[in-house]
PDB file of N, CA and C in Angstrom:
ATOM      1  N   UNK A   1       8.656  -6.094 -25.025  1.00  0.00           N
ATOM      2  CA  UNK A   1       8.871  -5.381 -23.799  1.00  0.00           C
ATOM      3  C   UNK A   1       8.018  -6.050 -22.716  1.00  0.00           C
ATOM      4  N   UNK A   2       8.614  -6.328 -21.562  1.00  0.00           N
ATOM      5  CA  UNK A   2       7.923  -6.963 -20.451  1.00  0.00           C
ATOM      6  C   UNK A   2       7.817  -5.955 -19.323  1.00  0.00           C
ATOM      7  N   UNK A   3       6.598  -5.637 -18.908  1.00  0.00           N
ATOM      8  CA  UNK A   3       6.376  -4.657 -17.856  1.00  0.00           C
ATOM      9  C   UNK A   3       5.537  -5.270 -16.743  1.00  0.00           C
ATOM     10  N   UNK A   4       5.668  -4.735 -15.556  1.00  0.00           N
ATOM     11  CA  UNK A   4       4.885  -5.165 -14.410  1.00  0.00           C
ATOM     12  C   UNK A   4       4.082  -3.979 -13.903  1.00  0.00           C
ATOM     13  N   UNK A   5       2.829  -4.209 -13.547  1.00  0.00           N
ATOM     14  CA  UNK A   5       1.958  -3.148 -13.059  1.00  0.00           C
ATOM     15  C   UNK A   5       1.357  -3.549 -11.724  1.00  0.00           C
ATOM     16  N   UNK A   6       1.140  -2.562 -10.887  1.00  0.00           N
ATOM     17  CA  UNK A   6       0.449  -2.742  -9.607  1.00  0.00           C
ATOM     18  C   UNK A   6      -0.960  -2.222  -9.818  1.00  0.00           C
ATOM     19  N   UNK A   7      -1.971  -3.070  -9.622  1.00  0.00           N
ATOM     20  CA  UNK A   7      -3.356  -2.669  -9.835  1.00  0.00           C
ATOM     21  C   UNK A   7      -4.099  -2.814  -8.517  1.00  0.00           C
ATOM     22  N   UNK A   8      -4.498  -1.707  -7.949  1.00  0.00           N
ATOM     23  CA  UNK A   8      -5.298  -1.731  -6.728  1.00  0.00           C
ATOM     24  C   UNK A   8      -6.246  -0.545  -6.754  1.00  0.00           C
ATOM     25  N   UNK A   9      -7.484  -0.731  -6.441  1.00  0.00           N
ATOM     26  CA  UNK A   9      -8.146  -2.015  -6.230  1.00  0.00           C
ATOM     27  C   UNK A   9      -8.309  -2.739  -7.558  1.00  0.00           C
ATOM     28  N   UNK A  10      -8.598  -4.021  -7.468  1.00  0.00           N
ATOM     29  CA  UNK A  10      -8.803  -4.802  -8.692  1.00  0.00           C
ATOM     30  C   UNK A  10     -10.055  -4.321  -9.408  1.00  0.00           C
ATOM     31  N   UNK A  11     -10.048  -4.339 -10.724  1.00  0.00           N
ATOM     32  CA  UNK A  11     -11.226  -3.904 -11.476  1.00  0.00           C
ATOM     33  C   UNK A  11     -12.335  -4.950 -11.383  1.00  0.00           C
ATOM     34  N   UNK A  12     -13.540  -4.601 -11.816  1.00  0.00           N
ATOM     35  CA  UNK A  12     -14.622  -5.594 -11.856  1.00  0.00           C
ATOM     36  C   UNK A  12     -14.224  -6.773 -12.736  1.00  0.00           C
ATOM     37  N   UNK A  13     -14.698  -7.949 -12.385  1.00  0.00           N
ATOM     38  CA  UNK A  13     -14.314  -9.147 -13.145  1.00  0.00           C
ATOM     39  C   UNK A  13     -14.986  -9.207 -14.513  1.00  0.00           C
ATOM     40  N   UNK A  14     -16.016  -8.414 -14.722  1.00  0.00           N
ATOM     41  CA  UNK A  14     -16.683  -8.387 -16.033  1.00  0.00           C
ATOM     42  C   UNK A  14     -16.423  -7.038 -16.687  1.00  0.00           C
ATOM     43  N   UNK A  15     -16.143  -7.063 -17.959  1.00  0.00           N
ATOM     44  CA  UNK A  15     -15.907  -5.833 -18.693  1.00  0.00           C
ATOM     45  C   UNK A  15     -14.438  -5.665 -19.023  1.00  0.00           C
ATOM     46  N   UNK A  16     -14.138  -4.532 -19.631  1.00  0.00           N
ATOM     47  CA  UNK A  16     -12.773  -4.270 -20.063  1.00  0.00           C
ATOM     48  C   UNK A  16     -12.158  -3.151 -19.237  1.00  0.00           C
ATOM     49  N   UNK A  17     -10.845  -3.164 -19.173  1.00  0.00           N
ATOM     50  CA  UNK A  17     -10.071  -2.109 -18.530  1.00  0.00           C
ATOM     51  C   UNK A  17      -9.265  -1.440 -19.630  1.00  0.00           C
ATOM     52  N   UNK A  18      -9.336  -0.125 -19.697  1.00  0.00           N
ATOM     53  CA  UNK A  18      -8.630   0.623 -20.741  1.00  0.00           C
ATOM     54  C   UNK A  18      -7.369   1.240 -20.165  1.00  0.00           C
ATOM     55  N   UNK A  19      -6.259   1.047 -20.867  1.00  0.00           N
ATOM     56  CA  UNK A  19      -4.999   1.708 -20.560  1.00  0.00           C
ATOM     57  C   UNK A  19      -4.758   2.731 -21.644  1.00  0.00           C
ATOM     58  N   UNK A  20      -4.546   3.979 -21.250  1.00  0.00           N
ATOM     59  CA  UNK A  20      -4.321   5.062 -22.203  1.00  0.00           C
ATOM     60  C   UNK A  20      -2.948   5.651 -21.917  1.00  0.00           C
ATOM     61  N   UNK A  21      -2.151   5.826 -22.964  1.00  0.00           N
ATOM     62  CA  UNK A  21      -0.794   6.328 -22.821  1.00  0.00           C
ATOM     63  C   UNK A  21      -0.524   7.390 -23.865  1.00  0.00           C
ATOM     64  N   UNK A  22       0.173   8.444 -23.441  1.00  0.00           N
ATOM     65  CA  UNK A  22       0.676   9.464 -24.365  1.00  0.00           C
ATOM     66  C   UNK A  22       1.969  10.003 -23.779  1.00  0.00           C
ATOM     67  N   UNK A  23       2.968  10.214 -24.641  1.00  0.00           N
ATOM     68  CA  UNK A  23       4.239  10.785 -24.218  1.00  0.00           C
ATOM     69  C   UNK A  23       4.720  11.683 -25.350  1.00  0.00           C
ATOM     70  N   UNK A  24       4.079  12.854 -25.489  1.00  0.00           N
ATOM     71  CA  UNK A  24       4.362  13.727 -26.626  1.00  0.00           C
ATOM     72  C   UNK A  24       5.830  14.150 -26.712  1.00  0.00           C
ATOM     73  N   UNK A  25       6.491  14.327 -25.606  1.00  0.00           N
ATOM     74  CA  UNK A  25       7.895  14.761 -25.624  1.00  0.00           C
ATOM     75  C   UNK A  25       8.782  13.774 -26.384  1.00  0.00           C
ATOM     76  N   UNK A  26       8.399  12.510 -26.377  1.00  0.00           N
ATOM     77  CA  UNK A  26       9.173  11.483 -27.081  1.00  0.00           C
ATOM     78  C   UNK A  26       8.471  11.012 -28.347  1.00  0.00           C
ATOM     79  N   UNK A  27       7.534  11.821 -28.826  1.00  0.00           N
ATOM     80  CA  UNK A  27       6.879  11.522 -30.089  1.00  0.00           C
ATOM     81  C   UNK A  27       5.878  10.383 -30.038  1.00  0.00           C
ATOM     82  N   UNK A  28       5.398  10.037 -28.855  1.00  0.00           N
ATOM     83  CA  UNK A  28       4.413   8.952 -28.740  1.00  0.00           C
ATOM     84  C   UNK A  28       3.023   9.558 -28.623  1.00  0.00           C
ATOM     85  N   UNK A  29       2.200   9.439 -29.677  1.00  0.00           N
ATOM     86  CA  UNK A  29       0.845   9.964 -29.594  1.00  0.00           C
ATOM     87  C   UNK A  29      -0.005   9.108 -28.652  1.00  0.00           C
ATOM     88  N   UNK A  30      -1.152   9.635 -28.302  1.00  0.00           N
ATOM     89  CA  UNK A  30      -2.052   8.889 -27.412  1.00  0.00           C
ATOM     90  C   UNK A  30      -2.485   7.583 -28.063  1.00  0.00           C
ATOM     91  N   UNK A  31      -2.389   6.515 -27.285  1.00  0.00           N
ATOM     92  CA  UNK A  31      -2.872   5.217 -27.759  1.00  0.00           C
ATOM     93  C   UNK A  31      -3.649   4.556 -26.632  1.00  0.00           C
ATOM     94  N   UNK A  32      -4.508   3.628 -26.995  1.00  0.00           N
ATOM     95  CA  UNK A  32      -5.388   2.963 -26.036  1.00  0.00           C
ATOM     96  C   UNK A  32      -5.337   1.464 -26.262  1.00  0.00           C
ATOM     97  N   UNK A  33      -5.288   0.722 -25.143  1.00  0.00           N
ATOM     98  CA  UNK A  33      -5.348  -0.731 -25.190  1.00  0.00           C
ATOM     99  C   UNK A  33      -6.404  -1.189 -24.207  1.00  0.00           C
ATOM    100  N   UNK A  34      -7.283  -2.070 -24.648  1.00  0.00           N
ATOM    101  CA  UNK A  34      -8.322  -2.617 -23.782  1.00  0.00           C
ATOM    102  C   UNK A  34      -7.955  -4.040 -23.393  1.00  0.00           C
ATOM    103  N   UNK A  35      -8.081  -4.347 -22.090  1.00  0.00           N
ATOM    104  CA  UNK A  35      -7.760  -5.672 -21.564  1.00  0.00           C
ATOM    105  C   UNK A  35      -8.965  -6.193 -20.797  1.00  0.00           C
ATOM    106  N   UNK A  36      -9.187  -7.485 -20.874  1.00  0.00           N
ATOM    107  CA  UNK A  36     -10.287  -8.128 -20.168  1.00  0.00           C
ATOM    108  C   UNK A  36     -10.090  -7.981 -18.662  1.00  0.00           C
ATOM    109  N   UNK A  37     -11.059  -7.377 -17.964  1.00  0.00           N
ATOM    110  CA  UNK A  37     -10.978  -7.216 -16.515  1.00  0.00           C
ATOM    111  C   UNK A  37     -10.933  -8.543 -15.786  1.00  0.00           C
ATOM    112  N   UNK A  38     -11.548  -9.582 -16.349  1.00  0.00           N
ATOM    113  CA  UNK A  38     -11.520 -10.908 -15.734  1.00  0.00           C
ATOM    114  C   UNK A  38     -10.118 -11.481 -15.676  1.00  0.00           C
ATOM    115  N   UNK A  39      -9.299 -11.191 -16.692  1.00  0.00           N
ATOM    116  CA  UNK A  39      -7.914 -11.683 -16.698  1.00  0.00           C
ATOM    117  C   UNK A  39      -7.113 -11.023 -15.585  1.00  0.00           C
ATOM    118  N   UNK A  40      -7.356  -9.748 -15.339  1.00  0.00           N
ATOM    119  CA  UNK A  40      -6.653  -9.050 -14.261  1.00  0.00           C
ATOM    120  C   UNK A  40      -7.092  -9.607 -12.906  1.00  0.00           C
ATOM    121  N   UNK A  41      -8.391  -9.834 -12.735  1.00  0.00           N
ATOM    122  CA  UNK A  41      -8.888 -10.410 -11.472  1.00  0.00           C
ATOM    123  C   UNK A  41      -8.353 -11.822 -11.261  1.00  0.00           C
ATOM    124  N   UNK A  42      -8.255 -12.610 -12.325  1.00  0.00           N
ATOM    125  CA  UNK A  42      -7.710 -13.968 -12.202  1.00  0.00           C
ATOM    126  C   UNK A  42      -6.249 -13.916 -11.779  1.00  0.00           C
ATOM    127  N   UNK A  43      -5.485 -12.965 -12.320  1.00  0.00           N
ATOM    128  CA  UNK A  43      -4.091 -12.815 -11.910  1.00  0.00           C
ATOM    129  C   UNK A  43      -4.013 -12.381 -10.450  1.00  0.00           C
ATOM    130  N   UNK A  44      -4.930 -11.520 -10.024  1.00  0.00           N
ATOM    131  CA  UNK A  44      -4.959 -11.095  -8.630  1.00  0.00           C
ATOM    132  C   UNK A  44      -5.268 -12.247  -7.688  1.00  0.00           C
ATOM    133  N   UNK A  45      -6.095 -13.188  -8.132  1.00  0.00           N
ATOM    134  CA  UNK A  45      -6.427 -14.352  -7.311  1.00  0.00           C
ATOM    135  C   UNK A  45      -5.218 -15.273  -7.135  1.00  0.00           C
ATOM    136  N   UNK A  46      -4.263 -15.216  -8.058  1.00  0.00           N
ATOM    137  CA  UNK A  46      -3.054 -16.038  -7.952  1.00  0.00           C
ATOM    138  C   UNK A  46      -1.926 -15.334  -7.184  1.00  0.00           C
ATOM    139  N   UNK A  47      -2.170 -14.104  -6.767  1.00  0.00           N
ATOM    140  CA  UNK A  47      -1.110 -13.357  -6.082  1.00  0.00           C
ATOM    141  C   UNK A  47      -0.957 -13.823  -4.638  1.00  0.00           C
ATOM    142  N   UNK A  48       0.163 -13.479  -4.050  1.00  0.00           N
ATOM    143  CA  UNK A  48       0.468 -13.849  -2.672  1.00  0.00           C
ATOM    144  C   UNK A  48       0.806 -12.588  -1.886  1.00  0.00           C
ATOM    145  N   UNK A  49       0.362 -12.526  -0.632  1.00  0.00           N
ATOM    146  CA  UNK A  49       0.718 -11.416   0.245  1.00  0.00           C
ATOM    147  C   UNK A  49       2.120 -11.678   0.778  1.00  0.00           C
ATOM    148  N   UNK A  50       3.036 -10.768   0.524  1.00  0.00           N
ATOM    149  CA  UNK A  50       4.405 -10.927   0.990  1.00  0.00           C
ATOM    150  C   UNK A  50       4.577 -10.398   2.407  1.00  0.00           C
ATOM    151  N   UNK A  51       3.923  -9.303   2.714  1.00  0.00           N
ATOM    152  CA  UNK A  51       3.982  -8.721   4.052  1.00  0.00           C
ATOM    153  C   UNK A  51       2.561  -8.418   4.484  1.00  0.00           C
ATOM    154  N   UNK A  52       2.246  -8.677   5.760  1.00  0.00           N
ATOM    155  CA  UNK A  52       0.901  -8.348   6.224  1.00  0.00           C
ATOM    156  C   UNK A  52       0.712  -6.827   6.230  1.00  0.00           C
ATOM    157  N   UNK A  53      -0.512  -6.367   6.009  1.00  0.00           N
ATOM    158  CA  UNK A  53      -0.739  -4.917   6.017  1.00  0.00           C
ATOM    159  C   UNK A  53      -0.499  -4.344   7.407  1.00  0.00           C
ATOM    160  N   UNK A  54      -0.037  -3.109   7.445  1.00  0.00           N
ATOM    161  CA  UNK A  54       0.184  -2.434   8.720  1.00  0.00           C
ATOM    162  C   UNK A  54      -1.150  -1.869   9.207  1.00  0.00           C
ATOM    163  N   UNK A  55      -1.467  -2.130  10.455  1.00  0.00           N
ATOM    164  CA  UNK A  55      -2.674  -1.577  11.029  1.00  0.00           C
ATOM    165  C   UNK A  55      -2.383  -0.163  11.507  1.00  0.00           C
ATOM    166  N   UNK A  56      -3.288   0.743  11.221  1.00  0.00           N
ATOM    167  CA  UNK A  56      -3.118   2.121  11.661  1.00  0.00           C
ATOM    168  C   UNK A  56      -3.511   2.203  13.136  1.00  0.00           C
ATOM    169  N   UNK A  57      -2.536   2.298  13.996  1.00  0.00           N
ATOM    170  CA  UNK A  57      -2.792   2.401  15.427  1.00  0.00           C
ATOM    171  C   UNK A  57      -2.068   3.613  15.976  1.00  0.00           C
ATOM    172  N   UNK A  58      -2.594   4.124  17.060  1.00  0.00           N
ATOM    173  CA  UNK A  58      -1.951   5.231  17.740  1.00  0.00           C
ATOM    174  C   UNK A  58      -0.729   4.709  18.480  1.00  0.00           C
ATOM    175  N   UNK A  59       0.363   5.451  18.482  1.00  0.00           N
ATOM    176  CA  UNK A  59       1.529   4.984  19.229  1.00  0.00           C
ATOM    177  C   UNK A  59       1.215   4.940  20.727  1.00  0.00           C
ATOM    178  N   UNK A  60       1.671   3.902  21.374  1.00  0.00           N
ATOM    179  CA  UNK A  60       1.444   3.718  22.807  1.00  0.00           C
ATOM    180  C   UNK A  60       2.541   4.427  23.588  1.00  0.00           C
ATOM    181  N   UNK A  61       2.154   5.090  24.685  1.00  0.00           N
ATOM    182  CA  UNK A  61       3.136   5.699  25.574  1.00  0.00           C
ATOM    183  C   UNK A  61       3.744   4.599  26.427  1.00  0.00           C
ATOM    184  N   UNK A  62       5.045   4.592  26.582  1.00  0.00           N
ATOM    185  CA  UNK A  62       5.645   3.566  27.430  1.00  0.00           C
ATOM    186  C   UNK A  62       5.267   3.815  28.891  1.00  0.00           C
ATOM    187  N   UNK A  63       5.205   2.774  29.701  1.00  0.00           N
ATOM    188  CA  UNK A  63       4.870   2.980  31.113  1.00  0.00           C
ATOM    189  C   UNK A  63       5.968   3.779  31.803  1.00  0.00           C
ATOM    190  N   UNK A  64       5.574   4.502  32.841  1.00  0.00           N
ATOM    191  CA  UNK A  64       6.548   5.283  33.606  1.00  0.00           C
ATOM    192  C   UNK A  64       7.510   4.333  34.308  1.00  0.00           C
ATOM    193  N   UNK A  65       8.790   4.683  34.353  1.00  0.00           N
ATOM    194  CA  UNK A  65       9.733   3.802  35.038  1.00  0.00           C
ATOM    195  C   UNK A  65       9.457   3.804  36.542  1.00  0.00           C
ATOM    196  N   UNK A  66       9.757   2.725  37.218  1.00  0.00           N
ATOM    197  CA  UNK A  66       9.515   2.696  38.672  1.00  0.00           C
ATOM    198  C   UNK A  66      10.430   3.696  39.386  1.00  0.00           C
ATOM    199  N   UNK A  67       9.884   4.302  40.420  1.00  0.00           N
ATOM    200  CA  UNK A  67      10.663   5.263  41.207  1.00  0.00           C
ATOM    201  C   UNK A  67      11.390   4.524  42.323  1.00  0.00           C
ATOM    202  N   UNK A  68      12.609   4.918  42.600  1.00  0.00           N
ATOM    203  CA  UNK A  68      13.307   4.295  43.721  1.00  0.00           C
ATOM    204  C   UNK A  68      12.648   4.707  45.046  1.00  0.00           C
ATOM    205  N   UNK A  69      12.809   3.884  46.060  1.00  0.00           N
ATOM    206  CA  UNK A  69      12.164   4.163  47.347  1.00  0.00           C
ATOM    207  C   UNK A  69      12.855   5.267  48.130  1.00  0.00           C
ATOM    208  N   UNK A  70      14.077   5.601  47.792  1.00  0.00           N
ATOM    209  CA  UNK A  70      14.775   6.674  48.502  1.00  0.00           C
ATOM    210  C   UNK A  70      15.665   7.417  47.520  1.00  0.00           C
ATOM    211  N   UNK A  71      16.180   8.564  47.935  1.00  0.00           N
ATOM    212  CA  UNK A  71      17.069   9.341  47.097  1.00  0.00           C
ATOM    213  C   UNK A  71      16.339  10.456  46.383  1.00  0.00           C
ATOM    214  N   UNK A  72      17.106  11.163  45.549  1.00  0.00           N
ATOM    215  CA  UNK A  72      16.590  12.347  44.869  1.00  0.00           C
ATOM    216  C   UNK A  72      15.420  12.020  43.937  1.00  0.00           C
ATOM    217  N   UNK A  73      15.428  10.857  43.251  1.00  0.00           N
ATOM    218  CA  UNK A  73      14.374  10.498  42.300  1.00  0.00           C
ATOM    219  C   UNK A  73      13.125   9.955  42.966  1.00  0.00           C
ATOM    220  N   UNK A  74      13.161   9.746  44.320  1.00  0.00           N
ATOM    221  CA  UNK A  74      12.011   9.177  45.014  1.00  0.00           C
ATOM    222  C   UNK A  74      10.844  10.157  45.074  1.00  0.00           C
ATOM    223  N   UNK A  75      11.134  11.449  45.105  1.00  0.00           N
ATOM    224  CA  UNK A  75      10.077  12.458  45.225  1.00  0.00           C
ATOM    225  C   UNK A  75       9.724  12.995  43.833  1.00  0.00           C
ATOM    226  N   UNK A  76       8.431  13.028  43.509  1.00  0.00           N
ATOM    227  CA  UNK A  76       8.066  13.614  42.205  1.00  0.00           C
ATOM    228  C   UNK A  76       8.346  15.122  42.208  1.00  0.00           C
ATOM    229  N   UNK A  77       8.592  15.690  41.024  1.00  0.00           N
ATOM    230  CA  UNK A  77       8.822  17.141  40.975  1.00  0.00           C
ATOM    231  C   UNK A  77       7.577  17.898  41.398  1.00  0.00           C
ATOM    232  N   UNK A  78       7.758  19.046  41.998  1.00  0.00           N
ATOM    233  CA  UNK A  78       6.609  19.846  42.441  1.00  0.00           C
ATOM    234  C   UNK A  78       6.410  21.059  41.595  1.00  0.00           C
TER     235      UNK A  78
END
């Protein structure tokens, strides 16, 4: 079985990372697998950013449209 996982933030490069799984409804008891954290960090170093992160900014109000010099729209509402 080939699976892909998203790991963020990356774990420390030293030590192990434990994955624990249980799915009692399908008869899968709890099991644990330990993986070298350095291997995960090395894989992260080979990754590529596909899209730049979105910056959290406040939406900007558009500028007011110019008012005509004459006519009904020339005078601001009172």
